[in-house]
């Protein structure tokens, strides 16, 4: 990665891509015991090589593996941390919505039953495969859940009080585990890491802050603890490792979980979180206006997620450019970039659009970025 070209790029994307039919079928066959893990891996390898090629074909400078090996964008990572136990806790329910339906379920959750550690670098083999297959024109990007996501859903009630009678030690251990993860990815050649953190968008929603209160958290200041923990985790990252964060309000089969603008956290977020860029969701009225961008300090970039990944209809270039112009009223346009508002497949089911619609949207993002910024 050239020293003068640091992520986020003018045209970027959040990371997850729709799973090709061959991967869906292979995962079902593996679950049924019809193929081996090695056979599944070979099918995933083939699909990942193809999505890497397609990302380059549409003009993206970054490439991910589409998270094609994961069932969930975050839990596949969290369950591999030392000290985490997977629990089917029916008291922790998650609600998603769209204009057509409401969907509530109780997924397995993560309980902290021992001290948090990192036994080995998570997603190491997946990232090594990605990096070995990107072209010279592409930067390999790994996406992982932010430290905040280990805590947000269950809060204090999901952390064993005998293991962590004082939560300060929990935050210290969590930050240390993530620092070790960053170091491991860097040693594998990783220079672009994205921390996905829905919690920092969720807490803008008064209903979500009420949830935080109900499970024993501090709805007014919990985001400050999250930001401090992330900063501790990334404090010693090498100078040539770019770190960004993505913050949306939920993405599950084209449904969302929270709403509200970034106003509640914007000042603290933009001025205290020590990342290089922020992927923010602004694809509809749920996301509020661009006014929070007035807090963005010099030297950082915001990636405007104004192209929706929840629907297949293709936005017009004029529409996207008008949205960018609106955002530029509150910050320097040279501090802005463009992306989809989220990934296309945060869970293995994917959103309600086709693979072709996905590639059309990514190509559109690249073309608009080139017309505005020329790079």
Protein backbone atom coordinates (compact mmCIF):
# COMPACT_ATOMS: atom_id res chain seq x y z
CA UNK A 1 0.00 0.00 0.00
CA UNK A 2 1.54 3.30 -1.08
CA UNK A 3 2.43 5.68 1.75
CA UNK A 4 0.43 8.50 0.15
CA UNK A 5 -2.70 6.40 -0.40
CA UNK A 6 -4.24 5.40 2.92
CA UNK A 7 -7.65 3.86 3.51
CA UNK A 8 -10.43 4.56 3.56
CA UNK A 9 -10.35 5.01 -0.19
CA UNK A 10 -12.59 7.45 -2.05
CA UNK A 11 -14.65 4.48 -3.24
CA UNK A 12 -14.74 1.76 -0.61
CA UNK A 13 -17.10 -0.92 0.60
CA UNK A 14 -18.03 -2.27 3.98
CA UNK A 15 -16.95 -5.84 3.38
CA UNK A 16 -19.58 -8.57 3.23
CA UNK A 17 -20.84 -9.84 -0.11
CA UNK A 18 -23.73 -12.06 -1.13
CA UNK A 19 -22.90 -15.75 -0.97
CA UNK A 20 -22.92 -17.44 -4.38
CA UNK A 21 -25.35 -20.35 -4.75
CA UNK A 22 -22.48 -22.82 -4.75
CA UNK A 23 -21.41 -21.64 -1.28
CA UNK A 24 -24.96 -21.79 0.08
CA UNK A 25 -25.34 -25.33 -1.21
CA UNK A 26 -21.95 -26.44 0.07
CA UNK A 27 -22.60 -25.07 3.56
CA UNK A 28 -25.94 -26.90 3.67
CA UNK A 29 -24.26 -30.12 2.54
CA UNK A 30 -21.53 -29.71 5.13
CA UNK A 31 -24.10 -29.14 7.89
CA UNK A 32 -25.86 -32.32 6.78
CA UNK A 33 -22.61 -34.29 6.85
CA UNK A 34 -22.61 -34.81 3.09
CA UNK A 35 -19.23 -33.17 2.41
CA UNK A 36 -16.08 -32.70 4.50
CA UNK A 37 -14.66 -29.47 5.86
CA UNK A 38 -11.88 -29.73 3.28
CA UNK A 39 -14.41 -30.00 0.43
CA UNK A 40 -16.33 -27.01 1.78
CA UNK A 41 -13.10 -25.06 2.02
CA UNK A 42 -12.22 -25.73 -1.61
CA UNK A 43 -15.63 -24.48 -2.76
CA UNK A 44 -15.26 -21.36 -0.62
CA UNK A 45 -11.75 -20.80 -2.00
CA UNK A 46 -13.08 -20.83 -5.56
CA UNK A 47 -15.89 -18.39 -4.71
CA UNK A 48 -13.55 -16.05 -2.84
CA UNK A 49 -11.09 -15.90 -5.72
CA UNK A 50 -14.00 -14.88 -7.93
CA UNK A 51 -15.30 -12.13 -5.61
CA UNK A 52 -11.76 -10.77 -5.27
CA UNK A 53 -11.56 -10.63 -9.07
CA UNK A 54 -14.98 -8.97 -9.33
CA UNK A 55 -14.05 -6.30 -6.77
CA UNK A 56 -11.05 -5.40 -8.89
CA UNK A 57 -13.14 -5.52 -12.05
CA UNK A 58 -15.58 -2.87 -10.77
CA UNK A 59 -12.64 -0.65 -9.83
CA UNK A 60 -12.35 -1.00 -6.05
CA UNK A 61 -8.86 -0.50 -4.60
CA UNK A 62 -9.70 -2.63 -1.60
CA UNK A 63 -10.77 -6.26 -1.52
CA UNK A 64 -12.29 -8.47 1.16
CA UNK A 65 -13.15 -12.16 1.07
CA UNK A 66 -16.80 -11.11 1.26
CA UNK A 67 -16.97 -12.79 4.70
CA UNK A 68 -18.04 -15.86 2.70
CA UNK A 69 -16.61 -18.25 5.30
CA UNK A 70 -18.72 -16.77 8.12
CA UNK A 71 -22.23 -17.44 9.32
CA UNK A 72 -22.38 -14.12 11.19
CA UNK A 73 -20.32 -10.97 10.69
CA UNK A 74 -19.45 -10.77 14.38
CA UNK A 75 -20.26 -13.91 16.36
CA UNK A 76 -17.89 -16.11 14.35
CA UNK A 77 -15.10 -13.92 15.72
CA UNK A 78 -16.36 -13.42 19.26
CA UNK A 79 -16.82 -17.14 19.96
CA UNK A 80 -13.12 -17.67 19.23
CA UNK A 81 -11.96 -15.35 22.00
CA UNK A 82 -10.69 -17.11 25.10
CA UNK A 83 -13.11 -16.82 28.01
CA UNK A 84 -16.26 -16.67 25.86
CA UNK A 85 -18.97 -19.34 26.09
CA UNK A 86 -21.75 -19.67 23.53
CA UNK A 87 -25.09 -19.70 25.36
CA UNK A 88 -28.65 -20.00 24.11
CA UNK A 89 -30.12 -17.31 26.37
CA UNK A 90 -33.76 -16.79 25.43
CA UNK A 91 -33.98 -13.71 27.64
CA UNK A 92 -31.78 -11.74 25.22
CA UNK A 93 -33.94 -11.02 22.21
CA UNK A 94 -33.08 -9.05 19.08
CA UNK A 95 -35.68 -7.22 16.99
CA UNK A 96 -35.32 -6.24 13.32
CA UNK A 97 -37.71 -4.29 11.11
CA UNK A 98 -38.39 -3.09 7.62
CA UNK A 99 -41.40 -1.53 5.95
CA UNK A 100 -43.02 -4.93 5.44
CA UNK A 101 -42.42 -6.86 8.65
CA UNK A 102 -41.06 -7.08 12.17
CA UNK A 103 -38.78 -9.96 13.10
CA UNK A 104 -37.77 -10.87 16.66
CA UNK A 105 -35.64 -13.81 17.72
CA UNK A 106 -33.28 -15.00 20.46
CA UNK A 107 -29.95 -15.92 18.88
CA UNK A 108 -27.19 -17.61 20.86
CA UNK A 109 -25.25 -15.05 22.87
CA UNK A 110 -21.73 -14.71 24.22
CA UNK A 111 -21.20 -15.05 27.96
CA UNK A 112 -17.90 -14.20 29.62
CA UNK A 113 -17.11 -17.20 31.82
CA UNK A 114 -13.31 -16.87 32.12
CA UNK A 115 -10.83 -14.04 31.67
CA UNK A 116 -10.72 -12.74 28.11
CA UNK A 117 -7.69 -13.88 26.10
CA UNK A 118 -6.66 -14.40 22.50
CA UNK A 119 -5.42 -17.99 22.13
CA UNK A 120 -4.47 -17.43 18.48
CA UNK A 121 -4.96 -14.85 15.75
CA UNK A 122 -8.59 -15.11 14.64
CA UNK A 123 -9.32 -15.43 10.89
CA UNK A 124 -5.57 -15.86 10.28
CA UNK A 125 -5.93 -18.52 7.57
CA UNK A 126 -8.84 -16.68 5.94
CA UNK A 127 -6.87 -13.45 5.78
CA UNK A 128 -3.73 -15.18 4.52
CA UNK A 129 -5.77 -16.68 1.68
CA UNK A 130 -7.22 -13.27 0.84
CA UNK A 131 -3.86 -11.55 0.81
CA UNK A 132 -2.32 -14.28 -1.34
CA UNK A 133 -5.02 -13.81 -3.96
CA UNK A 134 -5.42 -10.02 -4.29
CA UNK A 135 -3.84 -8.29 -7.25
CA UNK A 136 -1.07 -5.73 -6.97
CA UNK A 137 -3.71 -3.02 -7.48
CA UNK A 138 -5.76 -4.14 -4.46
CA UNK A 139 -5.35 -3.70 -0.71
CA UNK A 140 -6.57 -6.66 1.33
CA UNK A 141 -8.99 -5.58 4.06
CA UNK A 142 -10.00 -7.66 7.05
CA UNK A 143 -13.26 -6.86 8.86
CA UNK A 144 -13.77 -7.90 12.49
CA UNK A 145 -16.28 -6.87 15.16
CA UNK A 146 -15.22 -4.05 17.45
CA UNK A 147 -14.45 -4.81 21.13
CA UNK A 148 -17.75 -3.11 21.96
CA UNK A 149 -19.67 -5.97 20.38
CA UNK A 150 -18.36 -8.42 22.99
CA UNK A 151 -20.25 -6.42 25.61
CA UNK A 152 -23.22 -4.69 24.02
CA UNK A 153 -25.89 -7.35 23.67
CA UNK A 154 -25.65 -8.90 27.15
CA UNK A 155 -23.96 -6.16 29.15
CA UNK A 156 -22.95 -6.76 32.73
CA UNK A 157 -25.42 -9.63 33.09
CA UNK A 158 -23.44 -11.72 30.57
CA UNK A 159 -20.12 -11.27 32.43
CA UNK A 160 -19.39 -13.61 35.34
CA UNK A 161 -19.04 -11.41 38.44
CA UNK A 162 -16.66 -13.91 40.05
CA UNK A 163 -14.32 -13.64 37.08
CA UNK A 164 -14.68 -9.87 36.78
CA UNK A 165 -15.95 -8.33 40.02
CA UNK A 166 -14.54 -5.06 38.67
CA UNK A 167 -15.32 -4.32 35.02
CA UNK A 168 -12.14 -2.27 34.64
CA UNK A 169 -10.18 -5.53 34.46
CA UNK A 170 -12.61 -6.82 31.83
CA UNK A 171 -12.04 -3.79 29.63
CA UNK A 172 -8.26 -4.07 30.10
CA UNK A 173 -8.26 -7.77 29.15
CA UNK A 174 -10.53 -7.14 26.18
CA UNK A 175 -8.30 -4.35 24.88
CA UNK A 176 -5.21 -6.52 25.35
CA UNK A 177 -6.79 -9.39 23.38
CA UNK A 178 -7.63 -7.04 20.52
CA UNK A 179 -4.15 -5.49 20.58
CA UNK A 180 -2.73 -8.99 20.19
CA UNK A 181 -5.16 -9.65 17.30
CA UNK A 182 -4.03 -6.47 15.53
CA UNK A 183 -0.41 -7.49 15.95
CA UNK A 184 -1.12 -10.95 14.56
CA UNK A 185 -2.88 -9.58 11.49
CA UNK A 186 -0.06 -7.10 10.89
CA UNK A 187 2.48 -9.91 11.01
CA UNK A 188 0.45 -11.65 8.28
CA UNK A 189 0.78 -8.56 6.08
CA UNK A 190 -2.48 -6.85 7.07
CA UNK A 191 -2.38 -3.09 6.60
CA UNK A 192 -6.11 -2.30 6.52
CA UNK A 193 -8.38 -3.38 9.37
CA UNK A 194 -12.02 -2.44 9.84
CA UNK A 195 -13.72 -2.62 13.25
CA UNK A 196 -17.46 -3.11 12.76
CA UNK A 197 -19.35 -1.49 15.63
CA UNK A 198 -23.13 -1.32 15.44
CA UNK A 199 -23.31 -0.38 19.13
CA UNK A 200 -21.97 3.12 18.43
CA UNK A 201 -24.85 3.69 16.01
CA UNK A 202 -27.46 1.89 18.10
CA UNK A 203 -27.00 4.15 21.15
CA UNK A 204 -28.24 7.12 19.13
CA UNK A 205 -31.68 5.48 19.37
CA UNK A 206 -33.53 6.29 22.64
CA UNK A 207 -35.09 2.81 22.58
CA UNK A 208 -31.63 1.25 22.49
CA UNK A 209 -30.43 3.46 25.35
CA UNK A 210 -33.39 2.18 27.35
CA UNK A 211 -32.23 -1.38 26.58
CA UNK A 212 -28.76 -0.49 27.87
CA UNK A 213 -30.32 0.78 31.09
CA UNK A 214 -32.45 -2.36 31.47
CA UNK A 215 -29.43 -4.65 31.41
CA UNK A 216 -27.50 -2.59 33.94
CA UNK A 217 -25.47 -0.28 31.69
CA UNK A 218 -24.99 3.46 31.61
CA UNK A 219 -26.99 4.73 28.64
CA UNK A 220 -25.42 8.20 28.71
CA UNK A 221 -21.77 7.19 28.94
CA UNK A 222 -21.37 3.58 27.79
CA UNK A 223 -20.20 4.70 24.34
CA UNK A 224 -17.39 6.62 26.00
CA UNK A 225 -16.18 3.40 27.65
CA UNK A 226 -16.34 1.64 24.29
CA UNK A 227 -14.31 4.37 22.60
CA UNK A 228 -11.70 4.34 25.37
CA UNK A 229 -11.37 0.55 25.07
CA UNK A 230 -10.93 0.69 21.29
CA UNK A 231 -8.31 3.40 21.68
CA UNK A 232 -6.41 1.27 24.17
CA UNK A 233 -6.58 -1.71 21.81
CA UNK A 234 -5.19 0.20 18.82
CA UNK A 235 -2.80 2.52 20.66
CA UNK A 236 0.37 0.71 19.57
CA UNK A 237 -0.61 -0.16 16.02
CA UNK A 238 2.17 0.35 13.45
CA UNK A 239 2.14 3.66 11.59
CA UNK A 240 1.45 1.94 8.27
CA UNK A 241 -1.64 0.08 9.49
CA UNK A 242 -4.89 1.90 8.70
CA UNK A 243 -7.88 1.26 10.95
CA UNK A 244 -11.44 2.31 10.26
CA UNK A 245 -14.76 1.62 11.92
CA UNK A 246 -18.17 0.92 10.42
CA UNK A 247 -21.34 1.96 12.27
CA UNK A 248 -24.78 1.02 11.00
CA UNK A 249 -28.09 0.41 12.73
CA UNK A 250 -28.43 -3.29 12.00
CA UNK A 251 -28.45 -5.32 8.82
CA UNK A 252 -30.21 -8.68 8.74
CA UNK A 253 -31.94 -9.87 5.57
CA UNK A 254 -32.66 -6.25 4.55
CA UNK A 255 -34.01 -5.36 8.00
CA UNK A 256 -32.74 -2.86 10.58
CA UNK A 257 -32.64 -2.77 14.39
CA UNK A 258 -32.22 0.88 15.40
CA UNK A 259 -32.82 4.41 14.16
CA UNK A 260 -31.77 7.98 14.88
CA UNK A 261 -29.04 10.33 13.66
CA UNK A 262 -25.45 10.30 14.92
CA UNK A 263 -26.03 13.46 16.97
CA UNK A 264 -25.87 11.79 20.42
CA UNK A 265 -22.31 10.49 19.97
CA UNK A 266 -20.87 12.62 17.14
CA UNK A 267 -18.63 14.97 19.12
CA UNK A 268 -17.08 12.19 21.21
CA UNK A 269 -16.95 9.76 18.29
CA UNK A 270 -15.21 11.93 15.75
CA UNK A 271 -12.89 13.73 18.17
CA UNK A 272 -11.92 10.94 20.55
CA UNK A 273 -12.00 7.65 18.61
CA UNK A 274 -8.48 7.34 17.19
CA UNK A 275 -9.24 5.62 13.89
CA UNK A 276 -8.42 6.85 10.41
CA UNK A 277 -11.94 6.81 9.04
CA UNK A 278 -15.59 6.26 9.85
CA UNK A 279 -18.04 4.32 7.66
CA UNK A 280 -21.43 5.85 8.48
CA UNK A 281 -24.93 4.89 7.37
CA UNK A 282 -26.97 7.57 5.62
CA UNK A 283 -29.20 5.74 3.16
CA UNK A 284 -32.62 6.82 4.46
CA UNK A 285 -34.46 8.97 6.99
CA UNK A 286 -33.64 6.53 9.83
CA UNK A 287 -30.08 7.81 9.79
CA UNK A 288 -30.83 11.48 10.39
CA UNK A 289 -29.04 14.34 8.67
CA UNK A 290 -25.42 15.17 7.95
CA UNK A 291 -25.22 17.85 10.66
CA UNK A 292 -23.04 15.66 12.95
CA UNK A 293 -20.24 15.97 10.37
CA UNK A 294 -19.55 19.45 11.74
CA UNK A 295 -17.61 17.72 14.54
CA UNK A 296 -15.22 15.91 12.16
CA UNK A 297 -11.65 17.07 12.82
CA UNK A 298 -9.01 17.61 10.18
CA UNK A 299 -7.04 14.52 9.24
CA UNK A 300 -9.90 12.03 9.38
CA UNK A 301 -12.31 10.81 6.74
CA UNK A 302 -15.96 9.83 6.80
CA UNK A 303 -17.22 7.31 4.27
CA UNK A 304 -20.77 8.28 3.31
CA UNK A 305 -23.00 5.21 3.17
CA UNK A 306 -25.65 6.79 0.96
CA UNK A 307 -25.98 3.83 -1.42
CA UNK A 308 -28.30 1.30 0.19
CA UNK A 309 -27.39 -2.38 0.33
CA UNK A 310 -30.84 -3.36 1.57
CA UNK A 311 -32.63 -2.96 -1.78
CA UNK A 312 -31.66 -3.71 -5.34
CA UNK A 313 -32.91 -0.55 -7.04
CA UNK A 314 -29.93 1.36 -8.39
CA UNK A 315 -29.51 4.95 -7.24
CA UNK A 316 -28.86 7.62 -9.87
CA UNK A 317 -25.54 9.41 -10.03
CA UNK A 318 -27.32 12.73 -9.61
CA UNK A 319 -28.96 11.54 -6.40
CA UNK A 320 -25.65 10.39 -4.92
CA UNK A 321 -23.87 13.60 -5.91
CA UNK A 322 -26.61 15.71 -4.32
CA UNK A 323 -26.21 13.73 -1.10
CA UNK A 324 -22.46 14.28 -1.12
CA UNK A 325 -23.02 18.00 -1.71
CA UNK A 326 -25.38 18.07 1.29
CA UNK A 327 -22.74 16.41 3.46
CA UNK A 328 -20.09 18.86 2.24
CA UNK A 329 -22.05 21.71 3.82
CA UNK A 330 -20.77 20.49 7.18
CA UNK A 331 -17.21 19.34 6.44
CA UNK A 332 -14.55 19.59 3.76
CA UNK A 333 -15.49 17.48 0.73
CA UNK A 334 -11.88 16.22 0.63
CA UNK A 335 -12.55 14.48 3.94
CA UNK A 336 -15.42 12.50 2.43
CA UNK A 337 -15.53 9.14 0.66
CA UNK A 338 -18.34 6.94 -0.68
CA UNK A 339 -19.59 3.43 0.07
CA UNK A 340 -22.69 1.34 0.59
CA UNK A 341 -24.45 1.90 3.90
CA UNK A 342 -23.57 -1.60 5.09
CA UNK A 343 -22.42 -4.92 3.75
CA UNK A 344 -24.60 -6.94 1.41
CA UNK A 345 -24.69 -10.01 3.64
CA UNK A 346 -24.14 -9.46 7.37
CA UNK A 347 -25.59 -12.93 7.93
CA UNK A 348 -25.25 -15.87 5.58
CA UNK A 349 -28.82 -15.40 4.27
CA UNK A 350 -27.91 -12.08 2.65
CA UNK A 351 -30.02 -9.07 1.77
CA UNK A 352 -32.93 -8.93 -0.69
CA UNK A 353 -31.09 -8.19 -3.91
CA UNK A 354 -29.26 -10.16 -6.58
CA UNK A 355 -25.53 -10.60 -7.07
CA UNK A 356 -25.72 -8.53 -10.25
CA UNK A 357 -27.47 -5.70 -8.40
CA UNK A 358 -24.69 -5.87 -5.80
CA UNK A 359 -21.94 -5.48 -8.42
CA UNK A 360 -23.88 -2.72 -10.17
CA UNK A 361 -24.02 -0.75 -6.93
CA UNK A 362 -20.30 -1.20 -6.25
CA UNK A 363 -19.45 -0.14 -9.81
CA UNK A 364 -21.69 2.93 -9.41
CA UNK A 365 -19.89 3.88 -6.19
CA UNK A 366 -16.53 3.73 -7.97
CA UNK A 367 -17.74 5.77 -10.96
CA UNK A 368 -19.25 8.52 -8.82
CA UNK A 369 -16.14 8.72 -6.64
CA UNK A 370 -13.95 9.06 -9.71
CA UNK A 371 -16.14 11.82 -11.11
CA UNK A 372 -16.05 13.79 -7.85
CA UNK A 373 -12.54 13.23 -6.53
CA UNK A 374 -10.71 11.89 -9.56
CA UNK A 375 -9.13 8.99 -7.65
